[in-house]
C-alpha atoms as a PDB file:
ATOM      1  CA  MET A   1     -40.649 -19.607  75.558  1.00  0.00           C
ATOM      2  CA  ARG A   2     -40.393 -18.938  71.833  1.00  0.00           C
ATOM      3  CA  ASP A   3     -43.708 -17.252  71.230  1.00  0.00           C
ATOM      4  CA  LEU A   4     -44.005 -14.611  68.524  1.00  0.00           C
ATOM      5  CA  SER A   5     -47.787 -14.808  68.174  1.00  0.00           C
ATOM      6  CA  ASN A   6     -48.567 -13.083  71.469  1.00  0.00           C
ATOM      7  CA  ILE A   7     -46.098 -10.203  71.085  1.00  0.00           C
ATOM      8  CA  VAL A   8     -46.913  -8.960  67.582  1.00  0.00           C
ATOM      9  CA  HIS A   9     -50.073  -7.455  66.132  1.00  0.00           C
ATOM     10  CA  PRO A  10     -50.708  -7.779  62.365  1.00  0.00           C
ATOM     11  CA  VAL A  11     -52.760  -5.121  60.579  1.00  0.00           C
ATOM     12  CA  VAL A  12     -53.750  -5.190  56.910  1.00  0.00           C
ATOM     13  CA  ALA A  13     -51.911  -2.377  55.161  1.00  0.00           C
ATOM     14  CA  ILE A  14     -52.754  -3.166  51.516  1.00  0.00           C
ATOM     15  CA  ALA A  15     -55.485  -5.774  51.245  1.00  0.00           C
ATOM     16  CA  PRO A  16     -55.223  -8.602  48.733  1.00  0.00           C
ATOM     17  CA  ALA A  17     -57.275  -7.542  45.724  1.00  0.00           C
ATOM     18  CA  ALA A  18     -57.376  -7.839  41.974  1.00  0.00           C
ATOM     19  CA  PRO A  19     -53.901  -7.265  40.550  1.00  0.00           C
ATOM     20  CA  ILE A  20     -53.155  -3.738  39.418  1.00  0.00           C
ATOM     21  CA  THR A  21     -52.597  -3.512  35.660  1.00  0.00           C
ATOM     22  CA  ASP A  22     -51.340   0.049  35.294  1.00  0.00           C
ATOM     23  CA  ASN A  23     -49.246   2.626  37.169  1.00  0.00           C
ATOM     24  CA  THR A  24     -51.802   3.350  39.884  1.00  0.00           C
ATOM     25  CA  VAL A  25     -50.085   4.091  43.203  1.00  0.00           C
ATOM     26  CA  LEU A  26     -50.935   1.617  45.956  1.00  0.00           C
ATOM     27  CA  THR A  27     -51.453   3.527  49.207  1.00  0.00           C
ATOM     28  CA  SER A  28     -51.790   1.540  52.389  1.00  0.00           C
ATOM     29  CA  ASN A  29     -54.251   2.037  55.167  1.00  0.00           C
ATOM     30  CA  ILE A  30     -53.013   4.477  57.769  1.00  0.00           C
ATOM     31  CA  ILE A  31     -51.395   2.468  60.553  1.00  0.00           C
ATOM     32  CA  ASP A  32     -51.959   3.741  64.094  1.00  0.00           C
ATOM     33  CA  LYS A  33     -48.981   2.870  66.301  1.00  0.00           C
ATOM     34  CA  ALA A  34     -50.800   3.707  69.558  1.00  0.00           C
ATOM     35  CA  GLY A  35     -49.749   1.161  72.163  1.00  0.00           C
ATOM     36  CA  TYR A  36     -46.848  -0.196  70.082  1.00  0.00           C
ATOM     37  CA  GLU A  37     -43.220   0.863  69.851  1.00  0.00           C
ATOM     38  CA  SER A  38     -42.167  -0.902  66.643  1.00  0.00           C
ATOM     39  CA  LEU A  39     -43.524  -1.364  63.134  1.00  0.00           C
ATOM     40  CA  VAL A  40     -42.411  -3.219  60.028  1.00  0.00           C
ATOM     41  CA  PHE A  41     -44.239  -3.348  56.706  1.00  0.00           C
ATOM     42  CA  LEU A  42     -44.168  -6.732  54.972  1.00  0.00           C
ATOM     43  CA  ILE A  43     -44.837  -6.509  51.227  1.00  0.00           C
ATOM     44  CA  LEU A  44     -46.133  -9.680  49.570  1.00  0.00           C
ATOM     45  CA  LEU A  45     -45.758 -10.156  45.814  1.00  0.00           C
ATOM     46  CA  GLY A  46     -47.429 -12.565  43.431  1.00  0.00           C
ATOM     47  CA  THR A  47     -46.411 -13.221  39.842  1.00  0.00           C
ATOM     48  CA  LEU A  48     -45.513  -9.854  38.317  1.00  0.00           C
ATOM     49  CA  ALA A  49     -46.451 -10.117  34.642  1.00  0.00           C
ATOM     50  CA  ALA A  50     -45.104  -6.854  33.140  1.00  0.00           C
ATOM     51  CA  ALA A  51     -41.758  -7.317  31.402  1.00  0.00           C
ATOM     52  CA  ALA A  52     -40.137  -4.044  32.476  1.00  0.00           C
ATOM     53  CA  ALA A  53     -42.087  -2.804  35.499  1.00  0.00           C
ATOM     54  CA  THR A  54     -40.494  -1.250  38.573  1.00  0.00           C
ATOM     55  CA  PHE A  55     -42.159  -0.550  41.922  1.00  0.00           C
ATOM     56  CA  ALA A  56     -40.775   2.202  44.184  1.00  0.00           C
ATOM     57  CA  VAL A  57     -41.578   1.988  47.887  1.00  0.00           C
ATOM     58  CA  THR A  58     -41.942   5.050  50.116  1.00  0.00           C
ATOM     59  CA  VAL A  59     -43.066   5.501  53.730  1.00  0.00           C
ATOM     60  CA  GLU A  60     -44.850   8.542  55.152  1.00  0.00           C
ATOM     61  CA  HIS A  61     -45.616   9.517  58.743  1.00  0.00           C
ATOM     62  CA  GLY A  62     -47.403  12.249  60.677  1.00  0.00           C
ATOM     63  CA  ASP A  63     -49.327  13.242  63.784  1.00  0.00           C
ATOM     64  CA  ALA A  64     -52.774  13.723  62.196  1.00  0.00           C
ATOM     65  CA  ALA A  65     -55.037  10.652  62.150  1.00  0.00           C
ATOM     66  CA  ASP A  66     -55.876  11.301  58.481  1.00  0.00           C
ATOM     67  CA  LEU A  67     -52.189  11.963  57.663  1.00  0.00           C
ATOM     68  CA  SER A  68     -53.070  15.398  56.301  1.00  0.00           C
ATOM     69  CA  ASP A  69     -49.620  16.320  57.637  1.00  0.00           C
ATOM     70  CA  ALA A  70     -47.889  13.383  55.900  1.00  0.00           C
ATOM     71  CA  ALA A  71     -44.176  13.737  55.293  1.00  0.00           C
ATOM     72  CA  ALA A  72     -41.597  11.344  53.888  1.00  0.00           C
ATOM     73  CA  VAL A  73     -39.883   9.343  56.621  1.00  0.00           C
ATOM     74  CA  PRO A  74     -36.174  10.232  56.875  1.00  0.00           C
ATOM     75  CA  ALA A  75     -33.774   7.358  56.180  1.00  0.00           C
ATOM     76  CA  ALA A  76     -32.576   7.553  59.797  1.00  0.00           C
ATOM     77  CA  ASN A  77     -36.074   6.436  60.904  1.00  0.00           C
ATOM     78  CA  LEU A  78     -36.167   3.350  58.678  1.00  0.00           C
ATOM     79  CA  THR A  79     -34.681  -0.083  59.184  1.00  0.00           C
ATOM     80  CA  GLY A  80     -33.612  -1.305  55.799  1.00  0.00           C
ATOM     81  CA  THR A  81     -33.669   1.077  52.878  1.00  0.00           C
ATOM     82  CA  LEU A  82     -36.353   2.132  50.446  1.00  0.00           C
ATOM     83  CA  ALA A  83     -34.170   0.702  47.674  1.00  0.00           C
ATOM     84  CA  GLN A  84     -34.149  -2.700  49.413  1.00  0.00           C
ATOM     85  CA  ALA A  85     -37.938  -2.604  49.802  1.00  0.00           C
ATOM     86  CA  SER A  86     -38.511  -1.573  46.177  1.00  0.00           C
ATOM     87  CA  PHE A  87     -38.643  -4.219  43.452  1.00  0.00           C
ATOM     88  CA  ASP A  88     -39.085  -4.968  39.765  1.00  0.00           C
ATOM     89  CA  GLN A  89     -40.838  -7.589  37.673  1.00  0.00           C
ATOM     90  CA  ALA A  90     -38.164 -10.175  38.524  1.00  0.00           C
ATOM     91  CA  ALA A  91     -39.397 -10.362  42.140  1.00  0.00           C
ATOM     92  CA  ASP A  92     -42.133 -12.903  41.397  1.00  0.00           C
ATOM     93  CA  ASN A  93     -43.553 -14.538  44.538  1.00  0.00           C
ATOM     94  CA  LYS A  94     -41.095 -12.767  46.838  1.00  0.00           C
ATOM     95  CA  SER A  95     -41.479 -10.492  49.841  1.00  0.00           C
ATOM     96  CA  ARG A  96     -39.901  -7.222  50.926  1.00  0.00           C
ATOM     97  CA  LYS A  97     -39.782  -5.425  54.266  1.00  0.00           C
ATOM     98  CA  ILE A  98     -39.155  -1.928  55.569  1.00  0.00           C
ATOM     99  CA  GLY A  99     -39.168  -1.002  59.254  1.00  0.00           C
ATOM    100  CA  TYR A 100     -40.171   2.269  60.902  1.00  0.00           C
ATOM    101  CA  THR A 101     -38.410   3.560  64.039  1.00  0.00           C
ATOM    102  CA  GLY A 102     -39.726   7.130  64.143  1.00  0.00           C
ATOM    103  CA  ALA A 103     -41.791   8.727  66.875  1.00  0.00           C
ATOM    104  CA  LYS A 104     -44.869   9.700  64.850  1.00  0.00           C
ATOM    105  CA  ARG A 105     -48.121   7.925  65.665  1.00  0.00           C
ATOM    106  CA  TYR A 106     -49.463   7.426  62.135  1.00  0.00           C
ATOM    107  CA  VAL A 107     -47.588   5.745  59.276  1.00  0.00           C
ATOM    108  CA  ARG A 108     -48.427   4.559  55.765  1.00  0.00           C
ATOM    109  CA  LEU A 109     -46.719   2.769  52.908  1.00  0.00           C
ATOM    110  CA  LYS A 110     -46.871   3.702  49.224  1.00  0.00           C
ATOM    111  CA  ILE A 111     -45.877   1.569  46.252  1.00  0.00           C
ATOM    112  CA  THR A 112     -45.506   3.460  42.977  1.00  0.00           C
ATOM    113  CA  PRO A 113     -45.341   1.382  39.778  1.00  0.00           C
ATOM    114  CA  ALA A 114     -43.654   2.506  36.571  1.00  0.00           C
ATOM    115  CA  GLY A 115     -43.898   0.657  33.270  1.00  0.00           C
ATOM    116  CA  ASN A 116     -46.578  -1.667  34.628  1.00  0.00           C
ATOM    117  CA  ASN A 117     -48.962  -2.789  31.897  1.00  0.00           C
ATOM    118  CA  ALA A 118     -49.862  -6.262  33.151  1.00  0.00           C
ATOM    119  CA  ALA A 119     -51.086  -8.003  36.280  1.00  0.00           C
ATOM    120  CA  ALA A 120     -49.188  -7.163  39.459  1.00  0.00           C
ATOM    121  CA  PRO A 121     -50.713  -8.801  42.565  1.00  0.00           C
ATOM    122  CA  ILE A 122     -49.355  -6.929  45.583  1.00  0.00           C
ATOM    123  CA  SER A 123     -50.473  -6.778  49.212  1.00  0.00           C
ATOM    124  CA  ALA A 124     -48.859  -5.612  52.444  1.00  0.00           C
ATOM    125  CA  LEU A 125     -49.092  -6.289  56.144  1.00  0.00           C
ATOM    126  CA  ALA A 126     -48.114  -3.915  58.949  1.00  0.00           C
ATOM    127  CA  LEU A 127     -46.619  -5.857  61.826  1.00  0.00           C
ATOM    128  CA  LEU A 128     -46.715  -3.932  65.111  1.00  0.00           C
ATOM    129  CA  GLY A 129     -44.558  -5.031  68.022  1.00  0.00           C
ATOM    130  CA  ASP A 130     -43.256  -4.076  71.459  1.00  0.00           C
ATOM    131  CA  GLY A 131     -46.781  -3.469  72.679  1.00  0.00           C
ATOM    132  CA  ARG A 132     -47.660  -2.085  76.066  1.00  0.00           C
ATOM    133  CA  PHE A 133     -49.965  -5.025  76.724  1.00  0.00           C
ATOM    134  CA  ILE A 134     -49.218  -8.682  76.126  1.00  0.00           C
ATOM    135  CA  PRO A 135     -50.690 -10.902  74.868  1.00  0.00           C
ATOM    136  CA  THR A 136     -51.834  -8.961  71.824  1.00  0.00           C
ATOM    137  CA  PRO A 137     -55.462  -9.360  70.692  1.00  0.00           C
ATOM    138  CA  ASN A 138     -56.435 -12.581  68.939  1.00  0.00           C
ATOM    139  CA  PRO A 139     -58.026 -12.519  66.454  1.00  0.00           C
ATOM    140  CA  PRO A 140     -56.185  -9.305  65.563  1.00  0.00           C
ATOM    141  CA  GLY A 141     -59.196  -7.600  63.958  1.00  0.00           C
END
């Protein structure tokens, strides 16, 4: 059976909202991996209006639920690279992804703009997989 719906669990990381129009860092919700062995962040981009903007992606992890112990995820614990997940204004209506393979329970995504002076609609989804219990909840919550 080719069923993806019952084996993944989507969680809003960065909610769709009004486009950012400056260099404010977008910080995702803290994603709790409890009950799941895999995680990939899916970054969704709208029309990026700034002519020379860049957006650097980073991933942090830790053991504290509030990520007060947040540390940058080592490259060895990522699938794909931060450079591949990062983007510039030419990435209109595209998507990016970065996977996490580390052992920490809590993970978050950060997107840091530079040179952004116009509308940049950006959102992100955390897709959890390899759960202990299948099927995963529907609706996801």
